[in-house]
Every structure is written in structure tokens, then in C-alpha cells.
Amino acid sequence: MADIQSPLPGTFYHRPSPEDDPYKSNGDAVAVGDVIGLVEVMKTFIEVKSEIAGTFSGYAADNEAPVTAGQVLATLDD
């Protein structure tokens, strides 16, 4: 199992917009570079990209939750 961590503090979003589906769902394949969420800092949205490949296990941080740098946002199975 591997973790995807927040690159910086801010607000974490599972979706690109409130009307859209989450970037990833349990069981989805994840490739290196896939976007799994967004972190918003001062009205700027930064894509959180996976640095490893695997199968998406789920989000560890809630949608629209405040997060800190290094906090686990999602987990992958190898």
C-alpha cells in the first residue's frame, strides 16, 4: 500500500468542480502523473498528481477538508 501526500497546506477537493465526479473511485487504475485531487491555496488550485502507479484504494482526506503539507490524501494498492 502506498500513500499520496499533500504537497502543501490548503483545502483538498476530490472533484474538479461540484457537479463533476471524483477524479478517482475505489478500484480505478492510477498511472504516474494521474490527477487524484486539487489543493486550493489562496484561490489558486494545484493539481495533486500520483508519483506511483497502482489501484486506487480511497481518499484518506474528506472532500473540502483542510489539509497540511505531507498529510495523506489517498492510498493506492500496488
N, C-alpha and C. Protein backbone atom coordinates (compact mmCIF):
# COMPACT_ATOMS: atom_id res chain seq x y z
N MET A 1 0.85 -1.18 0.00
CA MET A 1 0.00 0.00 0.00
C MET A 1 0.90 1.24 0.00
N ALA A 2 0.51 2.22 -0.77
CA ALA A 2 1.29 3.46 -0.88
C ALA A 2 0.38 4.66 -0.65
N ASP A 3 0.97 5.74 -0.17
CA ASP A 3 0.21 6.95 0.14
C ASP A 3 0.52 8.05 -0.86
N ILE A 4 -0.49 8.85 -1.16
CA ILE A 4 -0.30 10.09 -1.90
C ILE A 4 -0.50 11.22 -0.90
N GLN A 5 0.52 12.07 -0.78
CA GLN A 5 0.51 13.11 0.24
C GLN A 5 0.27 14.49 -0.36
N SER A 6 -0.21 15.38 0.48
CA SER A 6 -0.44 16.76 0.05
C SER A 6 0.90 17.47 -0.12
N PRO A 7 1.07 18.16 -1.26
CA PRO A 7 2.33 18.89 -1.46
C PRO A 7 2.41 20.18 -0.65
N LEU A 8 1.26 20.68 -0.18
CA LEU A 8 1.24 21.94 0.57
C LEU A 8 -0.06 22.04 1.37
N PRO A 9 -0.13 22.96 2.33
CA PRO A 9 -1.35 23.12 3.11
C PRO A 9 -2.42 23.85 2.29
N GLY A 10 -3.67 23.54 2.57
CA GLY A 10 -4.78 24.19 1.88
C GLY A 10 -6.06 23.40 2.08
N THR A 11 -6.97 23.52 1.13
CA THR A 11 -8.24 22.80 1.14
C THR A 11 -8.21 21.76 0.04
N PHE A 12 -8.53 20.51 0.38
CA PHE A 12 -8.45 19.40 -0.57
C PHE A 12 -9.80 19.14 -1.20
N TYR A 13 -9.79 18.94 -2.50
CA TYR A 13 -11.01 18.64 -3.26
C TYR A 13 -10.84 17.34 -4.04
N HIS A 14 -11.86 16.48 -3.97
CA HIS A 14 -11.87 15.21 -4.71
C HIS A 14 -12.27 15.40 -6.16
N ARG A 15 -12.95 16.53 -6.47
CA ARG A 15 -13.55 16.75 -7.79
C ARG A 15 -13.05 18.05 -8.41
N PRO A 16 -13.04 18.10 -9.76
CA PRO A 16 -12.63 19.34 -10.41
C PRO A 16 -13.66 20.46 -10.23
N SER A 17 -14.94 20.11 -10.07
CA SER A 17 -15.99 21.08 -9.76
C SER A 17 -17.10 20.34 -9.02
N PRO A 18 -17.98 21.05 -8.32
CA PRO A 18 -19.02 20.38 -7.53
C PRO A 18 -19.94 19.47 -8.35
N GLU A 19 -20.11 19.74 -9.64
CA GLU A 19 -21.02 18.93 -10.48
C GLU A 19 -20.34 17.68 -11.03
N ASP A 20 -19.02 17.64 -11.01
CA ASP A 20 -18.28 16.53 -11.62
C ASP A 20 -18.10 15.36 -10.66
N ASP A 21 -17.80 14.20 -11.25
CA ASP A 21 -17.48 13.02 -10.46
C ASP A 21 -16.09 13.19 -9.85
N PRO A 22 -15.80 12.44 -8.78
CA PRO A 22 -14.45 12.49 -8.21
C PRO A 22 -13.41 12.07 -9.25
N TYR A 23 -12.19 12.54 -9.08
CA TYR A 23 -11.12 12.18 -10.00
C TYR A 23 -10.94 10.66 -10.05
N LYS A 24 -10.98 10.02 -8.91
CA LYS A 24 -10.77 8.57 -8.85
C LYS A 24 -11.79 7.94 -7.90
N SER A 25 -12.14 6.67 -8.20
CA SER A 25 -13.03 5.87 -7.35
C SER A 25 -12.29 4.61 -6.95
N ASN A 26 -12.74 3.97 -5.89
CA ASN A 26 -12.11 2.74 -5.43
C ASN A 26 -12.04 1.73 -6.57
N GLY A 27 -10.85 1.15 -6.75
CA GLY A 27 -10.65 0.15 -7.79
C GLY A 27 -10.15 0.70 -9.11
N ASP A 28 -10.15 2.02 -9.29
CA ASP A 28 -9.64 2.62 -10.53
C ASP A 28 -8.13 2.43 -10.64
N ALA A 29 -7.68 2.25 -11.87
CA ALA A 29 -6.24 2.20 -12.12
C ALA A 29 -5.68 3.61 -12.04
N VAL A 30 -4.50 3.74 -11.46
CA VAL A 30 -3.83 5.04 -11.34
C VAL A 30 -2.45 4.89 -11.98
N ALA A 31 -2.16 5.78 -12.93
CA ALA A 31 -0.85 5.80 -13.59
C ALA A 31 -0.03 6.96 -13.01
N VAL A 32 1.25 6.90 -13.19
CA VAL A 32 2.11 8.01 -12.78
C VAL A 32 1.66 9.26 -13.52
N GLY A 33 1.44 10.34 -12.77
CA GLY A 33 1.01 11.59 -13.36
C GLY A 33 -0.50 11.81 -13.37
N ASP A 34 -1.28 10.79 -13.00
CA ASP A 34 -2.74 10.97 -12.92
C ASP A 34 -3.09 11.95 -11.81
N VAL A 35 -4.05 12.83 -12.08
CA VAL A 35 -4.55 13.76 -11.08
C VAL A 35 -5.54 13.03 -10.19
N ILE A 36 -5.36 13.13 -8.87
CA ILE A 36 -6.29 12.47 -7.94
C ILE A 36 -7.09 13.50 -7.14
N GLY A 37 -6.72 14.78 -7.23
CA GLY A 37 -7.44 15.80 -6.49
C GLY A 37 -6.80 17.17 -6.69
N LEU A 38 -7.34 18.14 -5.99
CA LEU A 38 -6.84 19.52 -6.04
C LEU A 38 -6.63 20.03 -4.63
N VAL A 39 -5.60 20.84 -4.44
CA VAL A 39 -5.42 21.57 -3.19
C VAL A 39 -5.53 23.04 -3.54
N GLU A 40 -6.42 23.74 -2.84
CA GLU A 40 -6.65 25.16 -3.08
C GLU A 40 -5.96 25.97 -2.00
N VAL A 41 -5.15 26.92 -2.46
CA VAL A 41 -4.44 27.83 -1.57
C VAL A 41 -4.64 29.24 -2.10
N MET A 42 -5.28 30.08 -1.32
CA MET A 42 -5.49 31.48 -1.69
C MET A 42 -6.08 31.61 -3.10
N LYS A 43 -7.14 30.84 -3.38
CA LYS A 43 -7.87 30.88 -4.65
C LYS A 43 -7.08 30.33 -5.84
N THR A 44 -5.96 29.67 -5.56
CA THR A 44 -5.19 29.00 -6.60
C THR A 44 -5.33 27.49 -6.40
N PHE A 45 -5.66 26.78 -7.47
CA PHE A 45 -5.87 25.34 -7.39
C PHE A 45 -4.65 24.62 -7.96
N ILE A 46 -4.07 23.74 -7.15
CA ILE A 46 -2.89 22.97 -7.54
C ILE A 46 -3.32 21.51 -7.69
N GLU A 47 -3.01 20.92 -8.85
CA GLU A 47 -3.34 19.51 -9.07
C GLU A 47 -2.42 18.64 -8.21
N VAL A 48 -3.01 17.62 -7.59
CA VAL A 48 -2.24 16.61 -6.86
C VAL A 48 -2.14 15.41 -7.79
N LYS A 49 -0.91 15.11 -8.20
CA LYS A 49 -0.67 14.02 -9.15
C LYS A 49 0.03 12.86 -8.45
N SER A 50 -0.32 11.65 -8.89
CA SER A 50 0.30 10.46 -8.34
C SER A 50 1.72 10.32 -8.88
N GLU A 51 2.63 9.97 -8.00
CA GLU A 51 4.02 9.72 -8.40
C GLU A 51 4.29 8.23 -8.56
N ILE A 52 3.26 7.41 -8.33
CA ILE A 52 3.39 5.96 -8.45
C ILE A 52 2.16 5.41 -9.16
N ALA A 53 2.28 4.21 -9.70
CA ALA A 53 1.15 3.53 -10.33
C ALA A 53 0.58 2.51 -9.35
N GLY A 54 -0.71 2.24 -9.49
CA GLY A 54 -1.36 1.25 -8.63
C GLY A 54 -2.85 1.28 -8.82
N THR A 55 -3.55 0.70 -7.86
CA THR A 55 -5.01 0.67 -7.86
C THR A 55 -5.51 1.56 -6.73
N PHE A 56 -6.41 2.46 -7.06
CA PHE A 56 -6.91 3.44 -6.08
C PHE A 56 -7.69 2.72 -4.97
N SER A 57 -7.27 2.96 -3.72
CA SER A 57 -7.92 2.34 -2.55
C SER A 57 -8.93 3.26 -1.91
N GLY A 58 -8.77 4.57 -2.09
CA GLY A 58 -9.71 5.51 -1.50
C GLY A 58 -9.03 6.76 -1.00
N TYR A 59 -9.86 7.76 -0.74
CA TYR A 59 -9.38 9.02 -0.20
C TYR A 59 -9.24 8.91 1.31
N ALA A 60 -8.13 9.41 1.84
CA ALA A 60 -7.91 9.43 3.29
C ALA A 60 -8.38 10.75 3.88
N ALA A 61 -8.44 11.79 3.05
CA ALA A 61 -8.90 13.12 3.49
C ALA A 61 -10.28 13.37 2.88
N ASP A 62 -11.16 13.97 3.65
CA ASP A 62 -12.51 14.27 3.18
C ASP A 62 -12.47 15.36 2.12
N ASN A 63 -13.51 15.36 1.27
CA ASN A 63 -13.67 16.41 0.28
C ASN A 63 -13.88 17.75 0.99
N GLU A 64 -13.21 18.78 0.51
CA GLU A 64 -13.29 20.14 1.05
C GLU A 64 -12.74 20.26 2.47
N ALA A 65 -11.86 19.32 2.84
CA ALA A 65 -11.25 19.34 4.17
C ALA A 65 -9.95 20.14 4.16
N PRO A 66 -9.66 20.84 5.26
CA PRO A 66 -8.35 21.49 5.36
C PRO A 66 -7.28 20.41 5.54
N VAL A 67 -6.16 20.57 4.84
CA VAL A 67 -5.06 19.61 4.92
C VAL A 67 -3.75 20.34 5.17
N THR A 68 -2.78 19.60 5.67
CA THR A 68 -1.45 20.16 5.91
C THR A 68 -0.47 19.52 4.92
N ALA A 69 0.66 20.15 4.71
CA ALA A 69 1.70 19.60 3.84
C ALA A 69 2.15 18.26 4.40
N GLY A 70 2.21 17.25 3.54
CA GLY A 70 2.64 15.93 3.95
C GLY A 70 1.52 15.03 4.45
N GLN A 71 0.32 15.58 4.61
CA GLN A 71 -0.81 14.77 5.07
C GLN A 71 -1.22 13.79 3.96
N VAL A 72 -1.59 12.57 4.35
CA VAL A 72 -2.02 11.57 3.39
C VAL A 72 -3.40 11.95 2.86
N LEU A 73 -3.50 12.03 1.52
CA LEU A 73 -4.74 12.39 0.88
C LEU A 73 -5.48 11.17 0.34
N ALA A 74 -4.71 10.19 -0.16
CA ALA A 74 -5.30 8.99 -0.75
C ALA A 74 -4.30 7.84 -0.64
N THR A 75 -4.82 6.62 -0.80
CA THR A 75 -3.96 5.45 -0.75
C THR A 75 -4.14 4.62 -2.02
N LEU A 76 -3.06 3.94 -2.39
CA LEU A 76 -3.05 3.06 -3.54
C LEU A 76 -2.58 1.67 -3.11
N ASP A 77 -3.14 0.65 -3.76
CA ASP A 77 -2.62 -0.71 -3.62
C ASP A 77 -1.65 -0.94 -4.75
N ASP A 78 -0.56 -1.65 -4.47
CA ASP A 78 0.45 -1.91 -5.51
C ASP A 78 -0.05 -2.94 -6.49
